[in-house]
Amino acid sequence: MDTIASLLSCAFEGGSNYWYFIENYKAPKTLSYKMDGPDGTTFSHTDYPLNDGGELEILDMENKKKSYKLNLAIIKKGWKVFAEKYPWHFANAIVEEQMDAETGDVFLQCCLFGELIYG
């Protein structure tokens, strides 16, 4: 889960800033997974969608302002797409542990679109 949280962080904190906007946050009832933050900080952009019942509504500002849901089920599907369609980025994240803004952006697009659309 830490790898996925790091990929989402890379996307939301730089890699995908050119096309996305988080419209709404839906907090899960409980946080069974939580990134390590200072003083117990909750990172809603990574923690919420990695927990059952948590979700983000993400606006695609480049594509006629269409919205997409990001939750645990969608992340699981995106992970599979990421591994199958973009093995170089997948290996970079998993084997090399070299996550950056580009890799995070590719992962987020795999989750929301099922492929790389931008970049």
PDB file of N, CA and C in Angstrom:
ATOM      1  N   MET A   1       0.815  -1.203   0.000  1.00  0.00           N
ATOM      2  CA  MET A   1       0.000   0.000   0.000  1.00  0.00           C
ATOM      3  C   MET A   1       0.856   1.264   0.000  1.00  0.00           C
ATOM      4  N   ASP A   2       2.022   1.181   0.628  1.00  0.00           N
ATOM      5  CA  ASP A   2       2.888   2.360   0.687  1.00  0.00           C
ATOM      6  C   ASP A   2       3.328   2.806  -0.704  1.00  0.00           C
ATOM      7  N   THR A   3       3.587   1.847  -1.583  1.00  0.00           N
ATOM      8  CA  THR A   3       3.993   2.188  -2.952  1.00  0.00           C
ATOM      9  C   THR A   3       2.876   2.916  -3.670  1.00  0.00           C
ATOM     10  N   ILE A   4       1.662   2.436  -3.522  1.00  0.00           N
ATOM     11  CA  ILE A   4       0.520   3.073  -4.181  1.00  0.00           C
ATOM     12  C   ILE A   4       0.289   4.467  -3.602  1.00  0.00           C
ATOM     13  N   ALA A   5       0.389   4.592  -2.291  1.00  0.00           N
ATOM     14  CA  ALA A   5       0.239   5.912  -1.659  1.00  0.00           C
ATOM     15  C   ALA A   5       1.307   6.867  -2.172  1.00  0.00           C
ATOM     16  N   SER A   6       2.517   6.380  -2.335  1.00  0.00           N
ATOM     17  CA  SER A   6       3.596   7.231  -2.852  1.00  0.00           C
ATOM     18  C   SER A   6       3.341   7.638  -4.292  1.00  0.00           C
ATOM     19  N   LEU A   7       2.836   6.715  -5.102  1.00  0.00           N
ATOM     20  CA  LEU A   7       2.507   7.055  -6.490  1.00  0.00           C
ATOM     21  C   LEU A   7       1.408   8.119  -6.554  1.00  0.00           C
ATOM     22  N   LEU A   8       0.382   7.953  -5.733  1.00  0.00           N
ATOM     23  CA  LEU A   8      -0.693   8.957  -5.705  1.00  0.00           C
ATOM     24  C   LEU A   8      -0.140  10.305  -5.246  1.00  0.00           C
ATOM     25  N   SER A   9       0.709  10.281  -4.260  1.00  0.00           N
ATOM     26  CA  SER A   9       1.315  11.521  -3.781  1.00  0.00           C
ATOM     27  C   SER A   9       2.121  12.191  -4.892  1.00  0.00           C
ATOM     28  N   CYS A  10       2.894  11.413  -5.635  1.00  0.00           N
ATOM     29  CA  CYS A  10       3.672  11.957  -6.762  1.00  0.00           C
ATOM     30  C   CYS A  10       2.754  12.586  -7.810  1.00  0.00           C
ATOM     31  N   ALA A  11       1.620  11.943  -8.057  1.00  0.00           N
ATOM     32  CA  ALA A  11       0.670  12.474  -9.039  1.00  0.00           C
ATOM     33  C   ALA A  11       0.002  13.753  -8.536  1.00  0.00           C
ATOM     34  N   PHE A  12      -0.543  13.691  -7.327  1.00  0.00           N
ATOM     35  CA  PHE A  12      -1.311  14.815  -6.799  1.00  0.00           C
ATOM     36  C   PHE A  12      -0.458  16.014  -6.398  1.00  0.00           C
ATOM     37  N   GLU A  13       0.789  15.777  -6.097  1.00  0.00           N
ATOM     38  CA  GLU A  13       1.639  16.866  -5.641  1.00  0.00           C
ATOM     39  C   GLU A  13       2.579  17.366  -6.720  1.00  0.00           C
ATOM     40  N   GLY A  14       2.284  17.058  -7.967  1.00  0.00           N
ATOM     41  CA  GLY A  14       3.113  17.597  -9.036  1.00  0.00           C
ATOM     42  C   GLY A  14       2.869  17.017 -10.409  1.00  0.00           C
ATOM     43  N   GLY A  15       2.848  15.693 -10.521  1.00  0.00           N
ATOM     44  CA  GLY A  15       2.819  15.057 -11.830  1.00  0.00           C
ATOM     45  C   GLY A  15       1.567  15.289 -12.645  1.00  0.00           C
ATOM     46  N   SER A  16       0.433  15.385 -11.993  1.00  0.00           N
ATOM     47  CA  SER A  16      -0.842  15.501 -12.701  1.00  0.00           C
ATOM     48  C   SER A  16      -1.479  16.879 -12.583  1.00  0.00           C
ATOM     49  N   ASN A  17      -0.781  17.812 -11.982  1.00  0.00           N
ATOM     50  CA  ASN A  17      -1.357  19.137 -11.722  1.00  0.00           C
ATOM     51  C   ASN A  17      -1.846  19.850 -12.975  1.00  0.00           C
ATOM     52  N   TYR A  18      -1.346  19.460 -14.125  1.00  0.00           N
ATOM     53  CA  TYR A  18      -1.718  20.146 -15.356  1.00  0.00           C
ATOM     54  C   TYR A  18      -3.089  19.735 -15.890  1.00  0.00           C
ATOM     55  N   TRP A  19      -3.686  18.663 -15.349  1.00  0.00           N
ATOM     56  CA  TRP A  19      -4.977  18.236 -15.908  1.00  0.00           C
ATOM     57  C   TRP A  19      -6.055  17.919 -14.867  1.00  0.00           C
ATOM     58  N   TYR A  20      -5.733  17.800 -13.594  1.00  0.00           N
ATOM     59  CA  TYR A  20      -6.738  17.360 -12.625  1.00  0.00           C
ATOM     60  C   TYR A  20      -7.066  18.434 -11.589  1.00  0.00           C
ATOM     61  N   PHE A  21      -8.224  18.239 -10.953  1.00  0.00           N
ATOM     62  CA  PHE A  21      -8.622  19.027  -9.797  1.00  0.00           C
ATOM     63  C   PHE A  21      -9.495  18.127  -8.932  1.00  0.00           C
ATOM     64  N   ILE A  22      -9.229  18.053  -7.633  1.00  0.00           N
ATOM     65  CA  ILE A  22     -10.061  17.244  -6.740  1.00  0.00           C
ATOM     66  C   ILE A  22     -11.276  18.069  -6.348  1.00  0.00           C
ATOM     67  N   GLU A  23     -12.446  17.621  -6.814  1.00  0.00           N
ATOM     68  CA  GLU A  23     -13.697  18.344  -6.533  1.00  0.00           C
ATOM     69  C   GLU A  23     -14.268  18.021  -5.156  1.00  0.00           C
ATOM     70  N   ASN A  24     -14.231  16.734  -4.793  1.00  0.00           N
ATOM     71  CA  ASN A  24     -14.830  16.313  -3.528  1.00  0.00           C
ATOM     72  C   ASN A  24     -14.016  15.204  -2.888  1.00  0.00           C
ATOM     73  N   TYR A  25     -14.066  15.172  -1.580  1.00  0.00           N
ATOM     74  CA  TYR A  25     -13.435  14.131  -0.780  1.00  0.00           C
ATOM     75  C   TYR A  25     -14.526  13.404  -0.011  1.00  0.00           C
ATOM     76  N   LYS A  26     -14.481  12.089  -0.008  1.00  0.00           N
ATOM     77  CA  LYS A  26     -15.398  11.303   0.815  1.00  0.00           C
ATOM     78  C   LYS A  26     -14.546  10.511   1.799  1.00  0.00           C
ATOM     79  N   ALA A  27     -14.668  10.847   3.059  1.00  0.00           N
ATOM     80  CA  ALA A  27     -13.866  10.188   4.091  1.00  0.00           C
ATOM     81  C   ALA A  27     -14.406   8.786   4.357  1.00  0.00           C
ATOM     82  N   PRO A  28     -13.517   7.811   4.543  1.00  0.00           N
ATOM     83  CA  PRO A  28     -13.967   6.478   4.936  1.00  0.00           C
ATOM     84  C   PRO A  28     -14.400   6.501   6.405  1.00  0.00           C
ATOM     85  N   LYS A  29     -15.193   5.509   6.796  1.00  0.00           N
ATOM     86  CA  LYS A  29     -15.617   5.448   8.204  1.00  0.00           C
ATOM     87  C   LYS A  29     -14.430   5.202   9.121  1.00  0.00           C
ATOM     88  N   THR A  30     -13.502   4.370   8.654  1.00  0.00           N
ATOM     89  CA  THR A  30     -12.287   4.117   9.419  1.00  0.00           C
ATOM     90  C   THR A  30     -11.083   4.161   8.483  1.00  0.00           C
ATOM     91  N   LEU A  31      -9.954   4.542   9.030  1.00  0.00           N
ATOM     92  CA  LEU A  31      -8.709   4.556   8.261  1.00  0.00           C
ATOM     93  C   LEU A  31      -7.884   3.337   8.655  1.00  0.00           C
ATOM     94  N   SER A  32      -8.048   2.254   7.903  1.00  0.00           N
ATOM     95  CA  SER A  32      -7.236   1.072   8.177  1.00  0.00           C
ATOM     96  C   SER A  32      -5.842   1.250   7.574  1.00  0.00           C
ATOM     97  N   TYR A  33      -5.730   2.077   6.550  1.00  0.00           N
ATOM     98  CA  TYR A  33      -4.431   2.439   5.992  1.00  0.00           C
ATOM     99  C   TYR A  33      -4.264   3.947   6.111  1.00  0.00           C
ATOM    100  N   LYS A  34      -3.081   4.360   6.519  1.00  0.00           N
ATOM    101  CA  LYS A  34      -2.792   5.783   6.653  1.00  0.00           C
ATOM    102  C   LYS A  34      -1.302   5.994   6.406  1.00  0.00           C
ATOM    103  N   MET A  35      -0.960   6.963   5.549  1.00  0.00           N
ATOM    104  CA  MET A  35       0.447   7.303   5.345  1.00  0.00           C
ATOM    105  C   MET A  35       1.022   7.860   6.640  1.00  0.00           C
ATOM    106  N   ASP A  36       2.297   7.656   6.815  1.00  0.00           N
ATOM    107  CA  ASP A  36       2.955   8.217   7.994  1.00  0.00           C
ATOM    108  C   ASP A  36       3.149   9.707   7.797  1.00  0.00           C
ATOM    109  N   GLY A  37       2.455  10.477   8.584  1.00  0.00           N
ATOM    110  CA  GLY A  37       2.585  11.923   8.506  1.00  0.00           C
ATOM    111  C   GLY A  37       2.991  12.490   9.853  1.00  0.00           C
ATOM    112  N   PRO A  38       3.485  13.700   9.849  1.00  0.00           N
ATOM    113  CA  PRO A  38       3.876  14.316  11.119  1.00  0.00           C
ATOM    114  C   PRO A  38       2.663  14.529  12.023  1.00  0.00           C
ATOM    115  N   ASP A  39       2.841  14.191  13.279  1.00  0.00           N
ATOM    116  CA  ASP A  39       1.792  14.410  14.284  1.00  0.00           C
ATOM    117  C   ASP A  39       0.473  13.740  13.920  1.00  0.00           C
ATOM    118  N   GLY A  40       0.512  12.606  13.226  1.00  0.00           N
ATOM    119  CA  GLY A  40      -0.706  11.877  12.898  1.00  0.00           C
ATOM    120  C   GLY A  40      -1.554  12.512  11.820  1.00  0.00           C
ATOM    121  N   THR A  41      -0.970  13.351  11.004  1.00  0.00           N
ATOM    122  CA  THR A  41      -1.684  14.037   9.936  1.00  0.00           C
ATOM    123  C   THR A  41      -2.333  13.034   8.988  1.00  0.00           C
ATOM    124  N   THR A  42      -3.560  13.309   8.588  1.00  0.00           N
ATOM    125  CA  THR A  42      -4.237  12.516   7.565  1.00  0.00           C
ATOM    126  C   THR A  42      -4.084  13.236   6.236  1.00  0.00           C
ATOM    127  N   PHE A  43      -3.652  12.504   5.233  1.00  0.00           N
ATOM    128  CA  PHE A  43      -3.519  13.050   3.886  1.00  0.00           C
ATOM    129  C   PHE A  43      -4.726  12.596   3.071  1.00  0.00           C
ATOM    130  N   SER A  44      -5.749  13.407   3.025  1.00  0.00           N
ATOM    131  CA  SER A  44      -7.007  12.989   2.416  1.00  0.00           C
ATOM    132  C   SER A  44      -6.847  12.577   0.954  1.00  0.00           C
ATOM    133  N   HIS A  45      -5.928  13.189   0.221  1.00  0.00           N
ATOM    134  CA  HIS A  45      -5.766  12.864  -1.195  1.00  0.00           C
ATOM    135  C   HIS A  45      -5.149  11.480  -1.412  1.00  0.00           C
ATOM    136  N   THR A  46      -4.428  10.954  -0.436  1.00  0.00           N
ATOM    137  CA  THR A  46      -3.894   9.597  -0.565  1.00  0.00           C
ATOM    138  C   THR A  46      -4.574   8.626   0.390  1.00  0.00           C
ATOM    139  N   ASP A  47      -4.870   9.040   1.591  1.00  0.00           N
ATOM    140  CA  ASP A  47      -5.440   8.131   2.582  1.00  0.00           C
ATOM    141  C   ASP A  47      -6.889   7.741   2.278  1.00  0.00           C
ATOM    142  N   TYR A  48      -7.715   8.673   1.890  1.00  0.00           N
ATOM    143  CA  TYR A  48      -9.132   8.365   1.670  1.00  0.00           C
ATOM    144  C   TYR A  48      -9.355   7.294   0.603  1.00  0.00           C
ATOM    145  N   PRO A  49      -8.791   7.433  -0.605  1.00  0.00           N
ATOM    146  CA  PRO A  49      -9.101   6.424  -1.622  1.00  0.00           C
ATOM    147  C   PRO A  49      -8.461   5.059  -1.363  1.00  0.00           C
ATOM    148  N   LEU A  50      -7.533   4.957  -0.433  1.00  0.00           N
ATOM    149  CA  LEU A  50      -6.893   3.678  -0.123  1.00  0.00           C
ATOM    150  C   LEU A  50      -7.584   2.928   1.011  1.00  0.00           C
ATOM    151  N   ASN A  51      -8.750   3.417   1.400  1.00  0.00           N
ATOM    152  CA  ASN A  51      -9.535   2.785   2.455  1.00  0.00           C
ATOM    153  C   ASN A  51     -10.956   2.529   1.968  1.00  0.00           C
ATOM    154  N   ASP A  52     -11.517   1.397   2.403  1.00  0.00           N
ATOM    155  CA  ASP A  52     -12.897   1.072   2.030  1.00  0.00           C
ATOM    156  C   ASP A  52     -13.835   2.204   2.410  1.00  0.00           C
ATOM    157  N   GLY A  53     -14.637   2.634   1.464  1.00  0.00           N
ATOM    158  CA  GLY A  53     -15.602   3.701   1.692  1.00  0.00           C
ATOM    159  C   GLY A  53     -15.058   5.093   1.421  1.00  0.00           C
ATOM    160  N   GLY A  54     -13.756   5.221   1.262  1.00  0.00           N
ATOM    161  CA  GLY A  54     -13.160   6.516   0.951  1.00  0.00           C
ATOM    162  C   GLY A  54     -13.109   6.731  -0.552  1.00  0.00           C
ATOM    163  N   GLU A  55     -13.180   7.979  -0.954  1.00  0.00           N
ATOM    164  CA  GLU A  55     -13.227   8.253  -2.397  1.00  0.00           C
ATOM    165  C   GLU A  55     -12.876   9.710  -2.664  1.00  0.00           C
ATOM    166  N   LEU A  56     -12.324   9.924  -3.839  1.00  0.00           N
ATOM    167  CA  LEU A  56     -12.115  11.271  -4.354  1.00  0.00           C
ATOM    168  C   LEU A  56     -12.921  11.416  -5.626  1.00  0.00           C
ATOM    169  N   GLU A  57     -13.450  12.591  -5.856  1.00  0.00           N
ATOM    170  CA  GLU A  57     -14.054  12.917  -7.142  1.00  0.00           C
ATOM    171  C   GLU A  57     -13.078  13.861  -7.832  1.00  0.00           C
ATOM    172  N   ILE A  58     -12.565  13.401  -8.966  1.00  0.00           N
ATOM    173  CA  ILE A  58     -11.507  14.130  -9.661  1.00  0.00           C
ATOM    174  C   ILE A  58     -12.037  14.682 -10.980  1.00  0.00           C
ATOM    175  N   LEU A  59     -11.845  15.962 -11.156  1.00  0.00           N
ATOM    176  CA  LEU A  59     -12.273  16.651 -12.368  1.00  0.00           C
ATOM    177  C   LEU A  59     -11.136  16.642 -13.379  1.00  0.00           C
ATOM    178  N   ASP A  60     -11.416  16.193 -14.590  1.00  0.00           N
ATOM    179  CA  ASP A  60     -10.460  16.249 -15.699  1.00  0.00           C
ATOM    180  C   ASP A  60     -10.673  17.589 -16.389  1.00  0.00           C
ATOM    181  N   MET A  61      -9.803  18.534 -16.130  1.00  0.00           N
ATOM    182  CA  MET A  61      -9.976  19.889 -16.652  1.00  0.00           C
ATOM    183  C   MET A  61      -9.649  19.996 -18.141  1.00  0.00           C
ATOM    184  N   GLU A  62      -9.007  18.984 -18.700  1.00  0.00           N
ATOM    185  CA  GLU A  62      -8.650  18.999 -20.121  1.00  0.00           C
ATOM    186  C   GLU A  62      -9.728  18.378 -20.998  1.00  0.00           C
ATOM    187  N   ASN A  63     -10.559  17.519 -20.430  1.00  0.00           N
ATOM    188  CA  ASN A  63     -11.517  16.743 -21.208  1.00  0.00           C
ATOM    189  C   ASN A  63     -12.953  17.146 -20.880  1.00  0.00           C
ATOM    190  N   LYS A  64     -13.315  18.328 -21.305  1.00  0.00           N
ATOM    191  CA  LYS A  64     -14.690  18.808 -21.148  1.00  0.00           C
ATOM    192  C   LYS A  64     -15.177  18.748 -19.709  1.00  0.00           C
ATOM    193  N   LYS A  65     -14.219  18.893 -18.797  1.00  0.00           N
ATOM    194  CA  LYS A  65     -14.543  18.949 -17.372  1.00  0.00           C
ATOM    195  C   LYS A  65     -15.306  17.723 -16.881  1.00  0.00           C
ATOM    196  N   LYS A  66     -14.926  16.555 -17.348  1.00  0.00           N
ATOM    197  CA  LYS A  66     -15.531  15.305 -16.915  1.00  0.00           C
ATOM    198  C   LYS A  66     -14.962  14.889 -15.562  1.00  0.00           C
ATOM    199  N   SER A  67     -15.806  14.308 -14.697  1.00  0.00           N
ATOM    200  CA  SER A  67     -15.388  13.869 -13.369  1.00  0.00           C
ATOM    201  C   SER A  67     -15.250  12.354 -13.307  1.00  0.00           C
ATOM    202  N   TYR A  68     -14.314  11.912 -12.489  1.00  0.00           N
ATOM    203  CA  TYR A  68     -14.047  10.489 -12.282  1.00  0.00           C
ATOM    204  C   TYR A  68     -13.956  10.217 -10.791  1.00  0.00           C
ATOM    205  N   LYS A  69     -14.346   9.031 -10.381  1.00  0.00           N
ATOM    206  CA  LYS A  69     -14.218   8.592  -8.997  1.00  0.00           C
ATOM    207  C   LYS A  69     -12.903   7.849  -8.839  1.00  0.00           C
ATOM    208  N   LEU A  70     -12.238   8.049  -7.717  1.00  0.00           N
ATOM    209  CA  LEU A  70     -11.037   7.303  -7.378  1.00  0.00           C
ATOM    210  C   LEU A  70     -11.261   6.682  -6.007  1.00  0.00           C
ATOM    211  N   ASN A  71     -11.354   5.358  -5.992  1.00  0.00           N
ATOM    212  CA  ASN A  71     -11.525   4.619  -4.746  1.00  0.00           C
ATOM    213  C   ASN A  71     -10.680   3.346  -4.819  1.00  0.00           C
ATOM    214  N   LEU A  72     -10.757   2.536  -3.789  1.00  0.00           N
ATOM    215  CA  LEU A  72      -9.898   1.360  -3.698  1.00  0.00           C
ATOM    216  C   LEU A  72     -10.119   0.391  -4.853  1.00  0.00           C
ATOM    217  N   ALA A  73     -11.353   0.152  -5.240  1.00  0.00           N
ATOM    218  CA  ALA A  73     -11.640  -0.769  -6.347  1.00  0.00           C
ATOM    219  C   ALA A  73     -11.052  -0.251  -7.660  1.00  0.00           C
ATOM    220  N   ILE A  74     -11.172   1.029  -7.897  1.00  0.00           N
ATOM    221  CA  ILE A  74     -10.638   1.631  -9.126  1.00  0.00           C
ATOM    222  C   ILE A  74      -9.110   1.616  -9.103  1.00  0.00           C
ATOM    223  N   ILE A  75      -8.528   1.834  -7.945  1.00  0.00           N
ATOM    224  CA  ILE A  75      -7.069   1.785  -7.819  1.00  0.00           C
ATOM    225  C   ILE A  75      -6.553   0.382  -8.127  1.00  0.00           C
ATOM    226  N   LYS A  76      -7.247  -0.636  -7.665  1.00  0.00           N
ATOM    227  CA  LYS A  76      -6.841  -2.017  -7.946  1.00  0.00           C
ATOM    228  C   LYS A  76      -6.857  -2.302  -9.447  1.00  0.00           C
ATOM    229  N   LYS A  77      -7.877  -1.838 -10.134  1.00  0.00           N
ATOM    230  CA  LYS A  77      -7.936  -2.006 -11.592  1.00  0.00           C
ATOM    231  C   LYS A  77      -6.818  -1.220 -12.272  1.00  0.00           C
ATOM    232  N   GLY A  78      -6.584  -0.005 -11.803  1.00  0.00           N
ATOM    233  CA  GLY A  78      -5.527   0.830 -12.368  1.00  0.00           C
ATOM    234  C   GLY A  78      -4.146   0.230 -12.171  1.00  0.00           C
ATOM    235  N   TRP A  79      -3.949  -0.434 -11.048  1.00  0.00           N
ATOM    236  CA  TRP A  79      -2.664  -1.092 -10.772  1.00  0.00           C
ATOM    237  C   TRP A  79      -2.372  -2.156 -11.823  1.00  0.00           C
ATOM    238  N   LYS A  80      -3.410  -2.914 -12.178  1.00  0.00           N
ATOM    239  CA  LYS A  80      -3.260  -3.965 -13.198  1.00  0.00           C
ATOM    240  C   LYS A  80      -2.930  -3.349 -14.557  1.00  0.00           C
ATOM    241  N   VAL A  81      -3.634  -2.293 -14.921  1.00  0.00           N
ATOM    242  CA  VAL A  81      -3.360  -1.585 -16.179  1.00  0.00           C
ATOM    243  C   VAL A  81      -1.934  -1.047 -16.176  1.00  0.00           C
ATOM    244  N   PHE A  82      -1.548  -0.448 -15.094  1.00  0.00           N
ATOM    245  CA  PHE A  82      -0.204   0.120 -14.929  1.00  0.00           C
ATOM    246  C   PHE A  82       0.863  -0.948 -15.191  1.00  0.00           C
ATOM    247  N   ALA A  83       0.680  -2.123 -14.603  1.00  0.00           N
ATOM    248  CA  ALA A  83       1.647  -3.216 -14.757  1.00  0.00           C
ATOM    249  C   ALA A  83       1.659  -3.774 -16.177  1.00  0.00           C
ATOM    250  N   GLU A  84       0.494  -3.918 -16.786  1.00  0.00           N
ATOM    251  CA  GLU A  84       0.395  -4.559 -18.104  1.00  0.00           C
ATOM    252  C   GLU A  84       0.736  -3.624 -19.265  1.00  0.00           C
ATOM    253  N   LYS A  85       0.245  -2.404 -19.216  1.00  0.00           N
ATOM    254  CA  LYS A  85       0.429  -1.490 -20.347  1.00  0.00           C
ATOM    255  C   LYS A  85       1.689  -0.636 -20.252  1.00  0.00           C
ATOM    256  N   TYR A  86       2.187  -0.410 -19.050  1.00  0.00           N
ATOM    257  CA  TYR A  86       3.313   0.492 -18.856  1.00  0.00           C
ATOM    258  C   TYR A  86       4.370  -0.168 -17.965  1.00  0.00           C
ATOM    259  N   PRO A  87       4.921  -1.304 -18.437  1.00  0.00           N
ATOM    260  CA  PRO A  87       5.858  -2.067 -17.594  1.00  0.00           C
ATOM    261  C   PRO A  87       7.112  -1.293 -17.212  1.00  0.00           C
ATOM    262  N   TRP A  88       7.547  -0.368 -18.058  1.00  0.00           N
ATOM    263  CA  TRP A  88       8.730   0.413 -17.714  1.00  0.00           C
ATOM    264  C   TRP A  88       8.462   1.270 -16.479  1.00  0.00           C
ATOM    265  N   HIS A  89       7.320   1.948 -16.453  1.00  0.00           N
ATOM    266  CA  HIS A  89       6.965   2.768 -15.293  1.00  0.00           C
ATOM    267  C   HIS A  89       6.706   1.888 -14.064  1.00  0.00           C
ATOM    268  N   PHE A  90       6.048   0.762 -14.292  1.00  0.00           N
ATOM    269  CA  PHE A  90       5.767  -0.168 -13.196  1.00  0.00           C
ATOM    270  C   PHE A  90       7.076  -0.646 -12.565  1.00  0.00           C
ATOM    271  N   ALA A  91       8.021  -1.071 -13.396  1.00  0.00           N
ATOM    272  CA  ALA A  91       9.316  -1.534 -12.892  1.00  0.00           C
ATOM    273  C   ALA A  91      10.064  -0.405 -12.196  1.00  0.00           C
ATOM    274  N   ASN A  92       9.948   0.779 -12.737  1.00  0.00           N
ATOM    275  CA  ASN A  92      10.595   1.937 -12.125  1.00  0.00           C
ATOM    276  C   ASN A  92      10.067   2.144 -10.699  1.00  0.00           C
ATOM    277  N   ALA A  93       8.769   1.974 -10.516  1.00  0.00           N
ATOM    278  CA  ALA A  93       8.156   2.174  -9.208  1.00  0.00           C
ATOM    279  C   ALA A  93       8.408   0.997  -8.270  1.00  0.00           C
ATOM    280  N   ILE A  94       8.287  -0.228  -8.774  1.00  0.00           N
ATOM    281  CA  ILE A  94       8.345  -1.405  -7.920  1.00  0.00           C
ATOM    282  C   ILE A  94       9.769  -1.922  -7.720  1.00  0.00           C
ATOM    283  N   VAL A  95      10.463  -2.173  -8.807  1.00  0.00           N
ATOM    284  CA  VAL A  95      11.790  -2.768  -8.722  1.00  0.00           C
ATOM    285  C   VAL A  95      12.832  -1.741  -8.300  1.00  0.00           C
ATOM    286  N   GLU A  96      12.827  -0.618  -8.988  1.00  0.00           N
ATOM    287  CA  GLU A  96      13.842   0.404  -8.736  1.00  0.00           C
ATOM    288  C   GLU A  96      13.487   1.337  -7.585  1.00  0.00           C
ATOM    289  N   GLU A  97      12.215   1.331  -7.179  1.00  0.00           N
ATOM    290  CA  GLU A  97      11.710   2.246  -6.150  1.00  0.00           C
ATOM    291  C   GLU A  97      12.048   3.694  -6.480  1.00  0.00           C
ATOM    292  N   GLN A  98      11.907   4.026  -7.753  1.00  0.00           N
ATOM    293  CA  GLN A  98      12.208   5.365  -8.254  1.00  0.00           C
ATOM    294  C   GLN A  98      10.919   6.028  -8.730  1.00  0.00           C
ATOM    295  N   MET A  99      10.109   6.441  -7.800  1.00  0.00           N
ATOM    296  CA  MET A  99       8.860   7.099  -8.148  1.00  0.00           C
ATOM    297  C   MET A  99       9.096   8.588  -8.291  1.00  0.00           C
ATOM    298  N   ASP A 100       8.504   9.157  -9.330  1.00  0.00           N
ATOM    299  CA  ASP A 100       8.613  10.588  -9.548  1.00  0.00           C
ATOM    300  C   ASP A 100       7.279  11.099 -10.062  1.00  0.00           C
ATOM    301  N   ALA A 101       7.226  12.361 -10.398  1.00  0.00           N
ATOM    302  CA  ALA A 101       5.988  12.992 -10.854  1.00  0.00           C
ATOM    303  C   ALA A 101       5.439  12.309 -12.107  1.00  0.00           C
ATOM    304  N   GLU A 102       6.309  11.966 -13.037  1.00  0.00           N
ATOM    305  CA  GLU A 102       5.848  11.322 -14.276  1.00  0.00           C
ATOM    306  C   GLU A 102       5.244   9.952 -14.000  1.00  0.00           C
ATOM    307  N   THR A 103       5.916   9.147 -13.197  1.00  0.00           N
ATOM    308  CA  THR A 103       5.407   7.809 -12.875  1.00  0.00           C
ATOM    309  C   THR A 103       4.081   7.901 -12.127  1.00  0.00           C
ATOM    310  N   GLY A 104       3.970   8.844 -11.210  1.00  0.00           N
ATOM    311  CA  GLY A 104       2.718   9.050 -10.491  1.00  0.00           C
ATOM    312  C   GLY A 104       1.591   9.461 -11.421  1.00  0.00           C
ATOM    313  N   ASP A 105       1.896  10.326 -12.371  1.00  0.00           N
ATOM    314  CA  ASP A 105       0.901  10.765 -13.343  1.00  0.00           C
ATOM    315  C   ASP A 105       0.417   9.600 -14.196  1.00  0.00           C
ATOM    316  N   VAL A 106       1.348   8.773 -14.661  1.00  0.00           N
ATOM    317  CA  VAL A 106       0.971   7.597 -15.459  1.00  0.00           C
ATOM    318  C   VAL A 106       0.062   6.682 -14.634  1.00  0.00           C
ATOM    319  N   PHE A 107       0.421   6.450 -13.380  1.00  0.00           N
ATOM    320  CA  PHE A 107      -0.402   5.590 -12.528  1.00  0.00           C
ATOM    321  C   PHE A 107      -1.813   6.155 -12.343  1.00  0.00           C
ATOM    322  N   LEU A 108      -1.923   7.431 -12.039  1.00  0.00           N
ATOM    323  CA  LEU A 108      -3.245   8.034 -11.841  1.00  0.00           C
ATOM    324  C   LEU A 108      -4.085   7.937 -13.109  1.00  0.00           C
ATOM    325  N   GLN A 109      -3.479   8.176 -14.268  1.00  0.00           N
ATOM    326  CA  GLN A 109      -4.220   8.056 -15.525  1.00  0.00           C
ATOM    327  C   GLN A 109      -4.653   6.615 -15.783  1.00  0.00           C
ATOM    328  N   CYS A 110      -3.823   5.644 -15.412  1.00  0.00           N
ATOM    329  CA  CYS A 110      -4.212   4.234 -15.544  1.00  0.00           C
ATOM    330  C   CYS A 110      -5.444   3.946 -14.689  1.00  0.00           C
ATOM    331  N   CYS A 111      -5.476   4.515 -13.501  1.00  0.00           N
ATOM    332  CA  CYS A 111      -6.622   4.314 -12.607  1.00  0.00           C
ATOM    333  C   CYS A 111      -7.890   4.942 -13.173  1.00  0.00           C
ATOM    334  N   LEU A 112      -7.798   6.173 -13.615  1.00  0.00           N
ATOM    335  CA  LEU A 112      -9.000   6.909 -14.017  1.00  0.00           C
ATOM    336  C   LEU A 112      -9.430   6.652 -15.457  1.00  0.00           C
ATOM    337  N   PHE A 113      -8.464   6.479 -16.366  1.00  0.00           N
ATOM    338  CA  PHE A 113      -8.791   6.371 -17.787  1.00  0.00           C
ATOM    339  C   PHE A 113      -8.524   4.991 -18.380  1.00  0.00           C
ATOM    340  N   GLY A 114      -7.752   4.170 -17.672  1.00  0.00           N
ATOM    341  CA  GLY A 114      -7.396   2.859 -18.196  1.00  0.00           C
ATOM    342  C   GLY A 114      -6.289   2.902 -19.231  1.00  0.00           C
ATOM    343  N   GLU A 115      -5.687   4.078 -19.396  1.00  0.00           N
ATOM    344  CA  GLU A 115      -4.583   4.259 -20.343  1.00  0.00           C
ATOM    345  C   GLU A 115      -3.986   5.636 -20.117  1.00  0.00           C
ATOM    346  N   LEU A 116      -2.855   5.857 -20.752  1.00  0.00           N
ATOM    347  CA  LEU A 116      -2.187   7.161 -20.692  1.00  0.00           C
ATOM    348  C   LEU A 116      -2.780   8.062 -21.780  1.00  0.00           C
ATOM    349  N   ILE A 117      -3.403   9.138 -21.362  1.00  0.00           N
ATOM    350  CA  ILE A 117      -4.025  10.080 -22.289  1.00  0.00           C
ATOM    351  C   ILE A 117      -3.171  11.337 -22.433  1.00  0.00           C
ATOM    352  N   TYR A 118      -2.684  11.848 -21.314  1.00  0.00           N
ATOM    353  CA  TYR A 118      -1.904  13.077 -21.312  1.00  0.00           C
ATOM    354  C   TYR A 118      -0.431  12.757 -21.064  1.00  0.00           C
ATOM    355  N   GLY A 119       0.433  13.485 -21.758  1.00  0.00           N
ATOM    356  CA  GLY A 119       1.860  13.363 -21.494  1.00  0.00           C
ATOM    357  C   GLY A 119       2.565  12.321 -22.232  1.00  0.00           C
TER     358      GLY A 119
END
